[in-house]
Amino acid sequence: MNTGYMHPVLAEASLPISIPSCHCREMLQYQILSNVGQILRQGWFKGSNIYISTRMLPKGQRFLLRIVCNDQVLHEGRFETMVD
């Protein structure tokens, strides 16, 4: 995962995602799921890079991020929000 440069304020509340091997020409869907599988946030984007805001997620908890294209999971990984 390539993070590149991020503004410090954005970096503390964003999850940078880079999908270099994405050949999907359709819109990609991201989903943020709780540890019990409930979808907390989802949205759509086009391209191979996106910054997903984590500002409104509970602090100090683990989540699953899933990137989907045409019902195929392209990326799945866990992350944890920081405690202030």
Protein backbone atom coordinates (compact mmCIF):
# COMPACT_ATOMS: atom_id res chain seq x y z
CA MET A 1 0.00 0.00 0.00
CA ASN A 2 1.49 3.33 -1.05
CA THR A 3 0.66 6.29 1.15
CA GLY A 4 2.55 9.12 -0.57
CA TYR A 5 2.29 12.63 0.91
CA MET A 6 -0.65 13.56 3.08
CA HIS A 7 -1.45 16.78 4.88
CA PRO A 8 -0.91 16.11 8.64
CA VAL A 9 -4.52 16.95 9.56
CA LEU A 10 -5.85 14.60 6.88
CA ALA A 11 -3.38 11.87 7.82
CA GLU A 12 -4.69 11.55 11.36
CA ALA A 13 -8.24 10.87 10.21
CA SER A 14 -7.86 9.24 6.79
CA LEU A 15 -7.01 5.84 5.44
CA PRO A 16 -4.98 6.10 2.20
CA ILE A 17 -5.63 3.24 -0.22
CA SER A 18 -3.71 2.49 -3.40
CA ILE A 19 -4.71 -0.38 -5.67
CA PRO A 20 -1.96 -0.55 -8.33
CA SER A 21 -3.13 -3.79 -9.96
CA CYS A 22 -6.73 -2.71 -10.47
CA HIS A 23 -7.92 -3.31 -14.03
CA CYS A 24 -11.58 -2.76 -13.18
CA ARG A 25 -13.08 -0.06 -15.39
CA GLU A 26 -16.23 0.08 -13.27
CA MET A 27 -16.70 2.08 -10.10
CA LEU A 28 -15.05 0.48 -7.08
CA GLN A 29 -16.95 0.13 -3.83
CA TYR A 30 -15.36 0.48 -0.41
CA GLN A 31 -16.92 -0.93 2.74
CA ILE A 32 -15.85 -0.43 6.35
CA LEU A 33 -17.17 -3.25 8.50
CA SER A 34 -17.30 -3.67 12.27
CA ASN A 35 -15.76 -6.69 13.98
CA VAL A 36 -19.18 -8.42 13.81
CA GLY A 37 -19.53 -7.86 10.04
CA GLN A 38 -21.92 -4.90 10.10
CA ILE A 39 -21.28 -2.37 7.30
CA LEU A 40 -20.61 0.96 9.03
CA ARG A 41 -19.70 3.00 5.95
CA GLN A 42 -19.62 2.41 2.24
CA GLY A 43 -19.10 4.45 -0.86
CA TRP A 44 -17.93 4.39 -4.45
CA PHE A 45 -14.85 5.71 -6.24
CA LYS A 46 -13.10 5.46 -9.58
CA GLY A 47 -9.37 5.09 -10.06
CA SER A 48 -6.66 3.41 -8.06
CA ASN A 49 -6.18 5.86 -5.16
CA ILE A 50 -8.58 7.07 -2.49
CA TYR A 51 -8.46 8.62 0.98
CA ILE A 52 -11.23 7.28 3.18
CA SER A 53 -12.13 9.42 6.18
CA THR A 54 -12.09 7.60 9.51
CA ARG A 55 -12.98 10.69 11.54
CA MET A 56 -16.52 9.54 12.39
CA LEU A 57 -15.55 5.99 13.38
CA PRO A 58 -15.22 5.05 17.07
CA LYS A 59 -11.67 5.51 18.38
CA GLY A 60 -9.45 2.61 19.45
CA GLN A 61 -11.43 -0.07 17.62
CA ARG A 62 -10.54 -2.49 14.83
CA PHE A 63 -12.34 -2.49 11.49
CA LEU A 64 -12.25 -4.38 8.22
CA LEU A 65 -11.81 -2.46 4.98
CA ARG A 66 -13.03 -4.17 1.82
CA ILE A 67 -12.63 -2.91 -1.77
CA VAL A 68 -15.02 -4.57 -4.23
CA CYS A 69 -15.44 -4.46 -8.03
CA ASN A 70 -18.20 -6.40 -9.80
CA ASP A 71 -18.85 -8.48 -6.66
CA GLN A 72 -15.16 -9.48 -6.54
CA VAL A 73 -13.09 -8.51 -3.49
CA LEU A 74 -9.92 -6.73 -4.69
CA HIS A 75 -8.53 -5.81 -1.29
CA GLU A 76 -9.39 -6.70 2.29
CA GLY A 77 -7.47 -5.61 5.34
CA ARG A 78 -7.86 -4.70 8.99
CA PHE A 79 -7.05 -1.34 10.53
CA GLU A 80 -7.45 0.25 13.93
CA THR A 81 -8.46 3.83 14.68
CA MET A 82 -6.15 5.76 16.98
CA VAL A 83 -7.17 6.89 20.44
CA ASP A 84 -6.85 10.67 20.94
